[in-house]
Amino acid sequence: MAAPGAGDPLNAKSGEAPLAQRIDPAREKLTPAQLQFMRQVQLAQWQKTLPQRRTRNIVTGLSIGALVLAIYGYTFYSVSQDRFLDELEDEAKAARARAAARASGS
């Protein structure tokens, strides 16, 4: 059996995969080959998550756009309702004035 961390895909005791060790390139001296490998791995991870991130961004954008259009539509609707209510108030004032004229005229 191979030693832990020497290529074993799973830790024999816990059954978990070994975790990668974090390396700070500013503190540790790395060779150009190691830096290039780190860049390649980072690029591969970024490309792997790109479609999922793009889908989430599209869904978020569409959701925000729908919310904006809903607020915009509701604003137009409420403004048109205000005009309608203003017309009703004008008719009510005219009806009250006619009723007052009839009451004072009789």
PDB file of N, CA and C in Angstrom:
ATOM      1  N   MET A   1       0.841  -1.174   0.000  1.00  0.00           N
ATOM      2  CA  MET A   1       0.000   0.000   0.000  1.00  0.00           C
ATOM      3  C   MET A   1       0.887   1.239   0.000  1.00  0.00           C
ATOM      4  N   ALA A   2       0.486   2.267  -0.749  1.00  0.00           N
ATOM      5  CA  ALA A   2       1.291   3.481  -0.863  1.00  0.00           C
ATOM      6  C   ALA A   2       1.103   4.363   0.353  1.00  0.00           C
ATOM      7  N   ALA A   3       2.070   5.227   0.581  1.00  0.00           N
ATOM      8  CA  ALA A   3       2.003   6.155   1.721  1.00  0.00           C
ATOM      9  C   ALA A   3       0.942   7.216   1.453  1.00  0.00           C
ATOM     10  N   PRO A   4       0.260   7.706   2.512  1.00  0.00           N
ATOM     11  CA  PRO A   4      -0.750   8.747   2.311  1.00  0.00           C
ATOM     12  C   PRO A   4      -0.125   9.978   1.685  1.00  0.00           C
ATOM     13  N   GLY A   5      -0.851  10.554   0.745  1.00  0.00           N
ATOM     14  CA  GLY A   5      -0.363  11.755   0.079  1.00  0.00           C
ATOM     15  C   GLY A   5       0.586  11.448  -1.062  1.00  0.00           C
ATOM     16  N   ALA A   6       0.884  10.175  -1.313  1.00  0.00           N
ATOM     17  CA  ALA A   6       1.817   9.814  -2.376  1.00  0.00           C
ATOM     18  C   ALA A   6       1.056   9.294  -3.582  1.00  0.00           C
ATOM     19  N   GLY A   7      -0.043   9.944  -3.903  1.00  0.00           N
ATOM     20  CA  GLY A   7      -0.787   9.539  -5.071  1.00  0.00           C
ATOM     21  C   GLY A   7      -2.039   8.761  -4.754  1.00  0.00           C
ATOM     22  N   ASP A   8      -2.321   8.496  -3.477  1.00  0.00           N
ATOM     23  CA  ASP A   8      -3.562   7.815  -3.115  1.00  0.00           C
ATOM     24  C   ASP A   8      -4.742   8.737  -3.431  1.00  0.00           C
ATOM     25  N   PRO A   9      -5.729   8.261  -4.171  1.00  0.00           N
ATOM     26  CA  PRO A   9      -6.869   9.129  -4.451  1.00  0.00           C
ATOM     27  C   PRO A   9      -7.733   9.363  -3.217  1.00  0.00           C
ATOM     28  N   LEU A  10      -7.733   8.423  -2.288  1.00  0.00           N
ATOM     29  CA  LEU A  10      -8.537   8.573  -1.076  1.00  0.00           C
ATOM     30  C   LEU A  10      -7.680   8.304   0.137  1.00  0.00           C
ATOM     31  N   ASN A  11      -7.960   9.010   1.204  1.00  0.00           N
ATOM     32  CA  ASN A  11      -7.293   8.740   2.466  1.00  0.00           C
ATOM     33  C   ASN A  11      -7.863   7.427   3.003  1.00  0.00           C
ATOM     34  N   ALA A  12      -7.020   6.474   3.277  1.00  0.00           N
ATOM     35  CA  ALA A  12      -7.480   5.139   3.660  1.00  0.00           C
ATOM     36  C   ALA A  12      -8.263   5.151   4.967  1.00  0.00           C
ATOM     37  N   LYS A  13      -7.901   5.997   5.904  1.00  0.00           N
ATOM     38  CA  LYS A  13      -8.559   6.003   7.202  1.00  0.00           C
ATOM     39  C   LYS A  13      -9.941   6.651   7.150  1.00  0.00           C
ATOM     40  N   SER A  14     -10.039   7.842   6.569  1.00  0.00           N
ATOM     41  CA  SER A  14     -11.320   8.562   6.603  1.00  0.00           C
ATOM     42  C   SER A  14     -12.119   8.431   5.311  1.00  0.00           C
ATOM     43  N   GLY A  15     -11.504   7.959   4.247  1.00  0.00           N
ATOM     44  CA  GLY A  15     -12.222   7.809   2.988  1.00  0.00           C
ATOM     45  C   GLY A  15     -12.419   9.114   2.252  1.00  0.00           C
ATOM     46  N   GLU A  16     -11.672  10.168   2.618  1.00  0.00           N
ATOM     47  CA  GLU A  16     -11.802  11.476   1.976  1.00  0.00           C
ATOM     48  C   GLU A  16     -10.606  11.710   1.070  1.00  0.00           C
ATOM     49  N   ALA A  17     -10.826  12.550   0.069  1.00  0.00           N
ATOM     50  CA  ALA A  17      -9.741  12.924  -0.827  1.00  0.00           C
ATOM     51  C   ALA A  17      -8.814  13.893  -0.113  1.00  0.00           C
ATOM     52  N   PRO A  18      -7.512  13.830  -0.368  1.00  0.00           N
ATOM     53  CA  PRO A  18      -6.591  14.781   0.268  1.00  0.00           C
ATOM     54  C   PRO A  18      -6.825  16.191  -0.293  1.00  0.00           C
ATOM     55  N   LEU A  19      -6.669  17.179   0.568  1.00  0.00           N
ATOM     56  CA  LEU A  19      -6.870  18.564   0.167  1.00  0.00           C
ATOM     57  C   LEU A  19      -5.562  19.151  -0.334  1.00  0.00           C
ATOM     58  N   ALA A  20      -5.676  20.074  -1.273  1.00  0.00           N
ATOM     59  CA  ALA A  20      -4.489  20.749  -1.773  1.00  0.00           C
ATOM     60  C   ALA A  20      -4.010  21.739  -0.716  1.00  0.00           C
ATOM     61  N   GLN A  21      -2.716  21.878  -0.626  1.00  0.00           N
ATOM     62  CA  GLN A  21      -2.144  22.810   0.338  1.00  0.00           C
ATOM     63  C   GLN A  21      -2.087  24.193  -0.289  1.00  0.00           C
ATOM     64  N   ARG A  22      -2.538  25.191   0.455  1.00  0.00           N
ATOM     65  CA  ARG A  22      -2.494  26.567  -0.057  1.00  0.00           C
ATOM     66  C   ARG A  22      -1.057  27.073  -0.031  1.00  0.00           C
ATOM     67  N   ILE A  23      -0.690  27.748  -1.115  1.00  0.00           N
ATOM     68  CA  ILE A  23       0.664  28.280  -1.239  1.00  0.00           C
ATOM     69  C   ILE A  23       0.550  29.762  -1.553  1.00  0.00           C
ATOM     70  N   ASP A  24       1.287  30.568  -0.822  1.00  0.00           N
ATOM     71  CA  ASP A  24       1.344  32.001  -1.084  1.00  0.00           C
ATOM     72  C   ASP A  24       2.603  32.264  -1.911  1.00  0.00           C
ATOM     73  N   PRO A  25       2.438  32.577  -3.199  1.00  0.00           N
ATOM     74  CA  PRO A  25       3.618  32.767  -4.052  1.00  0.00           C
ATOM     75  C   PRO A  25       4.487  33.945  -3.617  1.00  0.00           C
ATOM     76  N   ALA A  26       3.912  34.897  -2.880  1.00  0.00           N
ATOM     77  CA  ALA A  26       4.707  36.041  -2.441  1.00  0.00           C
ATOM     78  C   ALA A  26       5.675  35.638  -1.329  1.00  0.00           C
ATOM     79  N   ARG A  27       5.300  34.690  -0.502  1.00  0.00           N
ATOM     80  CA  ARG A  27       6.148  34.282   0.638  1.00  0.00           C
ATOM     81  C   ARG A  27       7.119  33.167   0.267  1.00  0.00           C
ATOM     82  N   GLU A  28       6.648  32.226  -0.532  1.00  0.00           N
ATOM     83  CA  GLU A  28       7.489  31.083  -0.869  1.00  0.00           C
ATOM     84  C   GLU A  28       8.132  31.290  -2.235  1.00  0.00           C
ATOM     85  N   LYS A  29       9.357  30.872  -2.330  1.00  0.00           N
ATOM     86  CA  LYS A  29      10.064  30.969  -3.606  1.00  0.00           C
ATOM     87  C   LYS A  29       9.609  29.817  -4.490  1.00  0.00           C
ATOM     88  N   LEU A  30       8.986  30.143  -5.603  1.00  0.00           N
ATOM     89  CA  LEU A  30       8.527  29.120  -6.539  1.00  0.00           C
ATOM     90  C   LEU A  30       9.283  29.274  -7.848  1.00  0.00           C
ATOM     91  N   THR A  31       9.489  28.168  -8.502  1.00  0.00           N
ATOM     92  CA  THR A  31      10.177  28.208  -9.792  1.00  0.00           C
ATOM     93  C   THR A  31       9.208  28.705 -10.848  1.00  0.00           C
ATOM     94  N   PRO A  32       9.717  29.215 -11.947  1.00  0.00           N
ATOM     95  CA  PRO A  32       8.830  29.650 -13.029  1.00  0.00           C
ATOM     96  C   PRO A  32       7.919  28.530 -13.528  1.00  0.00           C
ATOM     97  N   ALA A  33       8.409  27.301 -13.507  1.00  0.00           N
ATOM     98  CA  ALA A  33       7.578  26.168 -13.939  1.00  0.00           C
ATOM     99  C   ALA A  33       6.405  25.968 -12.981  1.00  0.00           C
ATOM    100  N   GLN A  34       6.662  26.112 -11.672  1.00  0.00           N
ATOM    101  CA  GLN A  34       5.581  25.980 -10.699  1.00  0.00           C
ATOM    102  C   GLN A  34       4.554  27.103 -10.857  1.00  0.00           C
ATOM    103  N   LEU A  35       5.034  28.331 -11.087  1.00  0.00           N
ATOM    104  CA  LEU A  35       4.119  29.456 -11.292  1.00  0.00           C
ATOM    105  C   LEU A  35       3.268  29.245 -12.548  1.00  0.00           C
ATOM    106  N   GLN A  36       3.914  28.743 -13.609  1.00  0.00           N
ATOM    107  CA  GLN A  36       3.178  28.470 -14.846  1.00  0.00           C
ATOM    108  C   GLN A  36       2.119  27.398 -14.613  1.00  0.00           C
ATOM    109  N   PHE A  37       2.466  26.361 -13.856  1.00  0.00           N
ATOM    110  CA  PHE A  37       1.514  25.298 -13.552  1.00  0.00           C
ATOM    111  C   PHE A  37       0.340  25.843 -12.733  1.00  0.00           C
ATOM    112  N   MET A  38       0.628  26.712 -11.762  1.00  0.00           N
ATOM    113  CA  MET A  38      -0.446  27.319 -10.966  1.00  0.00           C
ATOM    114  C   MET A  38      -1.386  28.121 -11.861  1.00  0.00           C
ATOM    115  N   ARG A  39      -0.817  28.885 -12.790  1.00  0.00           N
ATOM    116  CA  ARG A  39      -1.650  29.665 -13.720  1.00  0.00           C
ATOM    117  C   ARG A  39      -2.523  28.747 -14.577  1.00  0.00           C
ATOM    118  N   GLN A  40      -1.950  27.641 -15.045  1.00  0.00           N
ATOM    119  CA  GLN A  40      -2.709  26.696 -15.867  1.00  0.00           C
ATOM    120  C   GLN A  40      -3.866  26.097 -15.070  1.00  0.00           C
ATOM    121  N   VAL A  41      -3.611  25.725 -13.825  1.00  0.00           N
ATOM    122  CA  VAL A  41      -4.657  25.140 -12.985  1.00  0.00           C
ATOM    123  C   VAL A  41      -5.753  26.170 -12.711  1.00  0.00           C
ATOM    124  N   GLN A  42      -5.352  27.407 -12.397  1.00  0.00           N
ATOM    125  CA  GLN A  42      -6.333  28.468 -12.144  1.00  0.00           C
ATOM    126  C   GLN A  42      -7.183  28.725 -13.390  1.00  0.00           C
ATOM    127  N   LEU A  43      -6.558  28.744 -14.562  1.00  0.00           N
ATOM    128  CA  LEU A  43      -7.290  28.948 -15.807  1.00  0.00           C
ATOM    129  C   LEU A  43      -8.256  27.800 -16.065  1.00  0.00           C
ATOM    130  N   ALA A  44      -7.816  26.574 -15.799  1.00  0.00           N
ATOM    131  CA  ALA A  44      -8.696  25.421 -15.992  1.00  0.00           C
ATOM    132  C   ALA A  44      -9.898  25.486 -15.048  1.00  0.00           C
ATOM    133  N   GLN A  45      -9.666  25.876 -13.794  1.00  0.00           N
ATOM    134  CA  GLN A  45     -10.779  25.998 -12.845  1.00  0.00           C
ATOM    135  C   GLN A  45     -11.740  27.101 -13.272  1.00  0.00           C
ATOM    136  N   TRP A  46     -11.175  28.205 -13.743  1.00  0.00           N
ATOM    137  CA  TRP A  46     -12.007  29.332 -14.186  1.00  0.00           C
ATOM    138  C   TRP A  46     -12.858  28.922 -15.383  1.00  0.00           C
ATOM    139  N   GLN A  47     -12.256  28.233 -16.342  1.00  0.00           N
ATOM    140  CA  GLN A  47     -12.997  27.791 -17.524  1.00  0.00           C
ATOM    141  C   GLN A  47     -14.047  26.750 -17.172  1.00  0.00           C
ATOM    142  N   LYS A  48     -13.780  25.948 -16.155  1.00  0.00           N
ATOM    143  CA  LYS A  48     -14.732  24.917 -15.729  1.00  0.00           C
ATOM    144  C   LYS A  48     -15.994  25.548 -15.142  1.00  0.00           C
ATOM    145  N   THR A  49     -15.840  26.642 -14.419  1.00  0.00           N
ATOM    146  CA  THR A  49     -16.996  27.290 -13.775  1.00  0.00           C
ATOM    147  C   THR A  49     -17.622  28.368 -14.647  1.00  0.00           C
ATOM    148  N   LEU A  50     -17.024  28.672 -15.787  1.00  0.00           N
ATOM    149  CA  LEU A  50     -17.522  29.754 -16.643  1.00  0.00           C
ATOM    150  C   LEU A  50     -18.958  29.547 -17.117  1.00  0.00           C
ATOM    151  N   PRO A  51     -19.351  28.383 -17.642  1.00  0.00           N
ATOM    152  CA  PRO A  51     -20.741  28.237 -18.107  1.00  0.00           C
ATOM    153  C   PRO A  51     -21.765  28.411 -16.988  1.00  0.00           C
ATOM    154  N   GLN A  52     -21.468  27.871 -15.808  1.00  0.00           N
ATOM    155  CA  GLN A  52     -22.399  28.014 -14.691  1.00  0.00           C
ATOM    156  C   GLN A  52     -22.514  29.481 -14.270  1.00  0.00           C
ATOM    157  N   ARG A  53     -21.374  30.178 -14.227  1.00  0.00           N
ATOM    158  CA  ARG A  53     -21.378  31.588 -13.853  1.00  0.00           C
ATOM    159  C   ARG A  53     -22.119  32.410 -14.902  1.00  0.00           C
ATOM    160  N   ARG A  54     -21.913  32.088 -16.169  1.00  0.00           N
ATOM    161  CA  ARG A  54     -22.579  32.820 -17.246  1.00  0.00           C
ATOM    162  C   ARG A  54     -24.097  32.630 -17.152  1.00  0.00           C
ATOM    163  N   THR A  55     -24.536  31.404 -16.884  1.00  0.00           N
ATOM    164  CA  THR A  55     -25.968  31.133 -16.750  1.00  0.00           C
ATOM    165  C   THR A  55     -26.554  31.915 -15.582  1.00  0.00           C
ATOM    166  N   ARG A  56     -25.840  31.900 -14.452  1.00  0.00           N
ATOM    167  CA  ARG A  56     -26.321  32.652 -13.282  1.00  0.00           C
ATOM    168  C   ARG A  56     -26.395  34.145 -13.575  1.00  0.00           C
ATOM    169  N   ASN A  57     -25.388  34.671 -14.288  1.00  0.00           N
ATOM    170  CA  ASN A  57     -25.395  36.095 -14.632  1.00  0.00           C
ATOM    171  C   ASN A  57     -26.565  36.437 -15.545  1.00  0.00           C
ATOM    172  N   ILE A  58     -26.868  35.575 -16.500  1.00  0.00           N
ATOM    173  CA  ILE A  58     -27.985  35.823 -17.408  1.00  0.00           C
ATOM    174  C   ILE A  58     -29.302  35.798 -16.643  1.00  0.00           C
ATOM    175  N   VAL A  59     -29.472  34.815 -15.769  1.00  0.00           N
ATOM    176  CA  VAL A  59     -30.705  34.721 -14.983  1.00  0.00           C
ATOM    177  C   VAL A  59     -30.852  35.935 -14.074  1.00  0.00           C
ATOM    178  N   THR A  60     -29.760  36.354 -13.460  1.00  0.00           N
ATOM    179  CA  THR A  60     -29.803  37.534 -12.589  1.00  0.00           C
ATOM    180  C   THR A  60     -30.155  38.776 -13.392  1.00  0.00           C
ATOM    181  N   GLY A  61     -29.540  38.937 -14.551  1.00  0.00           N
ATOM    182  CA  GLY A  61     -29.827  40.096 -15.399  1.00  0.00           C
ATOM    183  C   GLY A  61     -31.271  40.126 -15.852  1.00  0.00           C
ATOM    184  N   LEU A  62     -31.784  38.970 -16.259  1.00  0.00           N
ATOM    185  CA  LEU A  62     -33.185  38.914 -16.682  1.00  0.00           C
ATOM    186  C   LEU A  62     -34.136  39.192 -15.522  1.00  0.00           C
ATOM    187  N   SER A  63     -33.781  38.714 -14.341  1.00  0.00           N
ATOM    188  CA  SER A  63     -34.622  38.960 -13.161  1.00  0.00           C
ATOM    189  C   SER A  63     -34.653  40.438 -12.816  1.00  0.00           C
ATOM    190  N   ILE A  64     -33.499  41.079 -12.840  1.00  0.00           N
ATOM    191  CA  ILE A  64     -33.448  42.515 -12.545  1.00  0.00           C
ATOM    192  C   ILE A  64     -34.198  43.294 -13.618  1.00  0.00           C
ATOM    193  N   GLY A  65     -34.029  42.912 -14.883  1.00  0.00           N
ATOM    194  CA  GLY A  65     -34.755  43.579 -15.972  1.00  0.00           C
ATOM    195  C   GLY A  65     -36.256  43.417 -15.834  1.00  0.00           C
ATOM    196  N   ALA A  66     -36.707  42.214 -15.452  1.00  0.00           N
ATOM    197  CA  ALA A  66     -38.142  41.989 -15.263  1.00  0.00           C
ATOM    198  C   ALA A  66     -38.670  42.833 -14.112  1.00  0.00           C
ATOM    199  N   LEU A  67     -37.887  42.942 -13.048  1.00  0.00           N
ATOM    200  CA  LEU A  67     -38.302  43.765 -11.908  1.00  0.00           C
ATOM    201  C   LEU A  67     -38.419  45.232 -12.316  1.00  0.00           C
ATOM    202  N   VAL A  68     -37.457  45.716 -13.081  1.00  0.00           N
ATOM    203  CA  VAL A  68     -37.494  47.110 -13.543  1.00  0.00           C
ATOM    204  C   VAL A  68     -38.718  47.338 -14.427  1.00  0.00           C
ATOM    205  N   LEU A  69     -38.976  46.419 -15.347  1.00  0.00           N
ATOM    206  CA  LEU A  69     -40.146  46.569 -16.222  1.00  0.00           C
ATOM    207  C   LEU A  69     -41.447  46.501 -15.430  1.00  0.00           C
ATOM    208  N   ALA A  70     -41.495  45.655 -14.402  1.00  0.00           N
ATOM    209  CA  ALA A  70     -42.694  45.560 -13.568  1.00  0.00           C
ATOM    210  C   ALA A  70     -42.934  46.867 -12.817  1.00  0.00           C
ATOM    211  N   ILE A  71     -41.882  47.445 -12.265  1.00  0.00           N
ATOM    212  CA  ILE A  71     -42.028  48.726 -11.561  1.00  0.00           C
ATOM    213  C   ILE A  71     -42.449  49.812 -12.538  1.00  0.00           C
ATOM    214  N   TYR A  72     -41.837  49.832 -13.706  1.00  0.00           N
ATOM    215  CA  TYR A  72     -42.159  50.822 -14.732  1.00  0.00           C
ATOM    216  C   TYR A  72     -43.627  50.677 -15.162  1.00  0.00           C
ATOM    217  N   GLY A  73     -44.063  49.442 -15.399  1.00  0.00           N
ATOM    218  CA  GLY A  73     -45.452  49.199 -15.798  1.00  0.00           C
ATOM    219  C   GLY A  73     -46.426  49.572 -14.695  1.00  0.00           C
ATOM    220  N   TYR A  74     -46.093  49.237 -13.469  1.00  0.00           N
ATOM    221  CA  TYR A  74     -46.969  49.583 -12.353  1.00  0.00           C
ATOM    222  C   TYR A  74     -47.077  51.093 -12.197  1.00  0.00           C
ATOM    223  N   THR A  75     -45.972  51.797 -12.423  1.00  0.00           N
ATOM    224  CA  THR A  75     -46.002  53.260 -12.339  1.00  0.00           C
ATOM    225  C   THR A  75     -46.958  53.828 -13.372  1.00  0.00           C
ATOM    226  N   PHE A  76     -46.880  53.346 -14.613  1.00  0.00           N
ATOM    227  CA  PHE A  76     -47.812  53.820 -15.640  1.00  0.00           C
ATOM    228  C   PHE A  76     -49.245  53.473 -15.270  1.00  0.00           C
ATOM    229  N   TYR A  77     -49.458  52.292 -14.757  1.00  0.00           N
ATOM    230  CA  TYR A  77     -50.798  51.868 -14.368  1.00  0.00           C
ATOM    231  C   TYR A  77     -51.356  52.759 -13.264  1.00  0.00           C
ATOM    232  N   SER A  78     -50.533  53.041 -12.255  1.00  0.00           N
ATOM    233  CA  SER A  78     -51.027  53.858 -11.144  1.00  0.00           C
ATOM    234  C   SER A  78     -51.261  55.297 -11.578  1.00  0.00           C
ATOM    235  N   VAL A  79     -50.446  55.810 -12.488  1.00  0.00           N
ATOM    236  CA  VAL A  79     -50.676  57.171 -12.994  1.00  0.00           C
ATOM    237  C   VAL A  79     -51.968  57.215 -13.788  1.00  0.00           C
ATOM    238  N   SER A  80     -52.242  56.201 -14.579  1.00  0.00           N
ATOM    239  CA  SER A  80     -53.491  56.186 -15.344  1.00  0.00           C
ATOM    240  C   SER A  80     -54.676  56.052 -14.392  1.00  0.00           C
ATOM    241  N   GLN A  81     -54.535  55.338 -13.296  1.00  0.00           N
ATOM    242  CA  GLN A  81     -55.598  55.234 -12.301  1.00  0.00           C
ATOM    243  C   GLN A  81     -55.832  56.593 -11.633  1.00  0.00           C
ATOM    244  N   ASP A  82     -54.766  57.350 -11.382  1.00  0.00           N
ATOM    245  CA  ASP A  82     -54.925  58.677 -10.784  1.00  0.00           C
ATOM    246  C   ASP A  82     -55.740  59.581 -11.693  1.00  0.00           C
ATOM    247  N   ARG A  83     -55.475  59.544 -12.993  1.00  0.00           N
ATOM    248  CA  ARG A  83     -56.266  60.356 -13.934  1.00  0.00           C
ATOM    249  C   ARG A  83     -57.718  59.921 -13.920  1.00  0.00           C
ATOM    250  N   PHE A  84     -57.929  58.627 -13.869  1.00  0.00           N
ATOM    251  CA  PHE A  84     -59.291  58.106 -13.840  1.00  0.00           C
ATOM    252  C   PHE A  84     -60.005  58.589 -12.582  1.00  0.00           C
ATOM    253  N   LEU A  85     -59.315  58.526 -11.450  1.00  0.00           N
ATOM    254  CA  LEU A  85     -59.914  58.993 -10.201  1.00  0.00           C
ATOM    255  C   LEU A  85     -60.148  60.499 -10.237  1.00  0.00           C
ATOM    256  N   ASP A  86     -59.236  61.249 -10.883  1.00  0.00           N
ATOM    257  CA  ASP A  86     -59.436  62.699 -11.020  1.00  0.00           C
ATOM    258  C   ASP A  86     -60.700  62.991 -11.817  1.00  0.00           C
ATOM    259  N   GLU A  87     -60.930  62.217 -12.884  1.00  0.00           N
ATOM    260  CA  GLU A  87     -62.143  62.408 -13.682  1.00  0.00           C
ATOM    261  C   GLU A  87     -63.387  62.109 -12.858  1.00  0.00           C
ATOM    262  N   LEU A  88     -63.313  61.064 -12.038  1.00  0.00           N
ATOM    263  CA  LEU A  88     -64.457  60.743 -11.175  1.00  0.00           C
ATOM    264  C   LEU A  88     -64.709  61.856 -10.164  1.00  0.00           C
ATOM    265  N   GLU A  89     -63.637  62.416  -9.632  1.00  0.00           N
ATOM    266  CA  GLU A  89     -63.793  63.509  -8.671  1.00  0.00           C
ATOM    267  C   GLU A  89     -64.405  64.733  -9.342  1.00  0.00           C
ATOM    268  N   ASP A  90     -63.994  65.014 -10.564  1.00  0.00           N
ATOM    269  CA  ASP A  90     -64.576  66.148 -11.296  1.00  0.00           C
ATOM    270  C   ASP A  90     -66.068  65.927 -11.528  1.00  0.00           C
ATOM    271  N   GLU A  91     -66.433  64.702 -11.911  1.00  0.00           N
ATOM    272  CA  GLU A  91     -67.852  64.391 -12.116  1.00  0.00           C
ATOM    273  C   GLU A  91     -68.621  64.488 -10.799  1.00  0.00           C
ATOM    274  N   ALA A  92     -67.998  64.041  -9.709  1.00  0.00           N
ATOM    275  CA  ALA A  92     -68.660  64.115  -8.406  1.00  0.00           C
ATOM    276  C   ALA A  92     -68.855  65.569  -7.989  1.00  0.00           C
ATOM    277  N   LYS A  93     -67.877  66.436  -8.229  1.00  0.00           N
ATOM    278  CA  LYS A  93     -68.014  67.857  -7.902  1.00  0.00           C
ATOM    279  C   LYS A  93     -69.143  68.479  -8.717  1.00  0.00           C
ATOM    280  N   ALA A  94     -69.197  68.129  -9.996  1.00  0.00           N
ATOM    281  CA  ALA A  94     -70.257  68.685 -10.855  1.00  0.00           C
ATOM    282  C   ALA A  94     -71.622  68.196 -10.374  1.00  0.00           C
ATOM    283  N   ALA A  95     -71.709  66.928  -9.972  1.00  0.00           N
ATOM    284  CA  ALA A  95     -72.977  66.388  -9.489  1.00  0.00           C
ATOM    285  C   ALA A  95     -73.373  67.066  -8.179  1.00  0.00           C
ATOM    286  N   ARG A  96     -72.418  67.324  -7.297  1.00  0.00           N
ATOM    287  CA  ARG A  96     -72.720  68.025  -6.040  1.00  0.00           C
ATOM    288  C   ARG A  96     -73.186  69.448  -6.327  1.00  0.00           C
ATOM    289  N   ALA A  97     -72.528  70.100  -7.288  1.00  0.00           N
ATOM    290  CA  ALA A  97     -72.922  71.463  -7.625  1.00  0.00           C
ATOM    291  C   ALA A  97     -74.333  71.476  -8.182  1.00  0.00           C
ATOM    292  N   ARG A  98     -74.671  70.507  -9.040  1.00  0.00           N
ATOM    293  CA  ARG A  98     -76.045  70.437  -9.574  1.00  0.00           C
ATOM    294  C   ARG A  98     -77.044  70.157  -8.463  1.00  0.00           C
ATOM    295  N   ALA A  99     -76.667  69.269  -7.541  1.00  0.00           N
ATOM    296  CA  ALA A  99     -77.570  68.962  -6.428  1.00  0.00           C
ATOM    297  C   ALA A  99     -77.760  70.178  -5.534  1.00  0.00           C
ATOM    298  N   ALA A 100     -76.713  70.943  -5.291  1.00  0.00           N
ATOM    299  CA  ALA A 100     -76.823  72.155  -4.477  1.00  0.00           C
ATOM    300  C   ALA A 100     -77.665  73.197  -5.191  1.00  0.00           C
ATOM    301  N   ALA A 101     -77.521  73.294  -6.525  1.00  0.00           N
ATOM    302  CA  ALA A 101     -78.318  74.269  -7.283  1.00  0.00           C
ATOM    303  C   ALA A 101     -79.793  73.882  -7.245  1.00  0.00           C
ATOM    304  N   ARG A 102     -80.075  72.598  -7.358  1.00  0.00           N
ATOM    305  CA  ARG A 102     -81.461  72.142  -7.295  1.00  0.00           C
ATOM    306  C   ARG A 102     -82.057  72.410  -5.898  1.00  0.00           C
ATOM    307  N   ALA A 103     -81.238  72.159  -4.879  1.00  0.00           N
ATOM    308  CA  ALA A 103     -81.720  72.345  -3.504  1.00  0.00           C
ATOM    309  C   ALA A 103     -81.968  73.819  -3.220  1.00  0.00           C
ATOM    310  N   SER A 104     -81.115  74.681  -3.716  1.00  0.00           N
ATOM    311  CA  SER A 104     -81.314  76.108  -3.456  1.00  0.00           C
ATOM    312  C   SER A 104     -82.375  76.699  -4.376  1.00  0.00           C
ATOM    313  N   GLY A 105     -82.602  76.088  -5.520  1.00  0.00           N
ATOM    314  CA  GLY A 105     -83.596  76.576  -6.475  1.00  0.00           C
ATOM    315  C   GLY A 105     -84.996  76.143  -6.143  1.00  0.00           C
ATOM    316  N   SER A 106     -85.205  75.155  -5.346  1.00  0.00           N
ATOM    317  CA  SER A 106     -86.553  74.687  -5.083  1.00  0.00           C
ATOM    318  C   SER A 106     -87.206  75.341  -3.918  1.00  0.00           C
TER     319      SER A 106
END
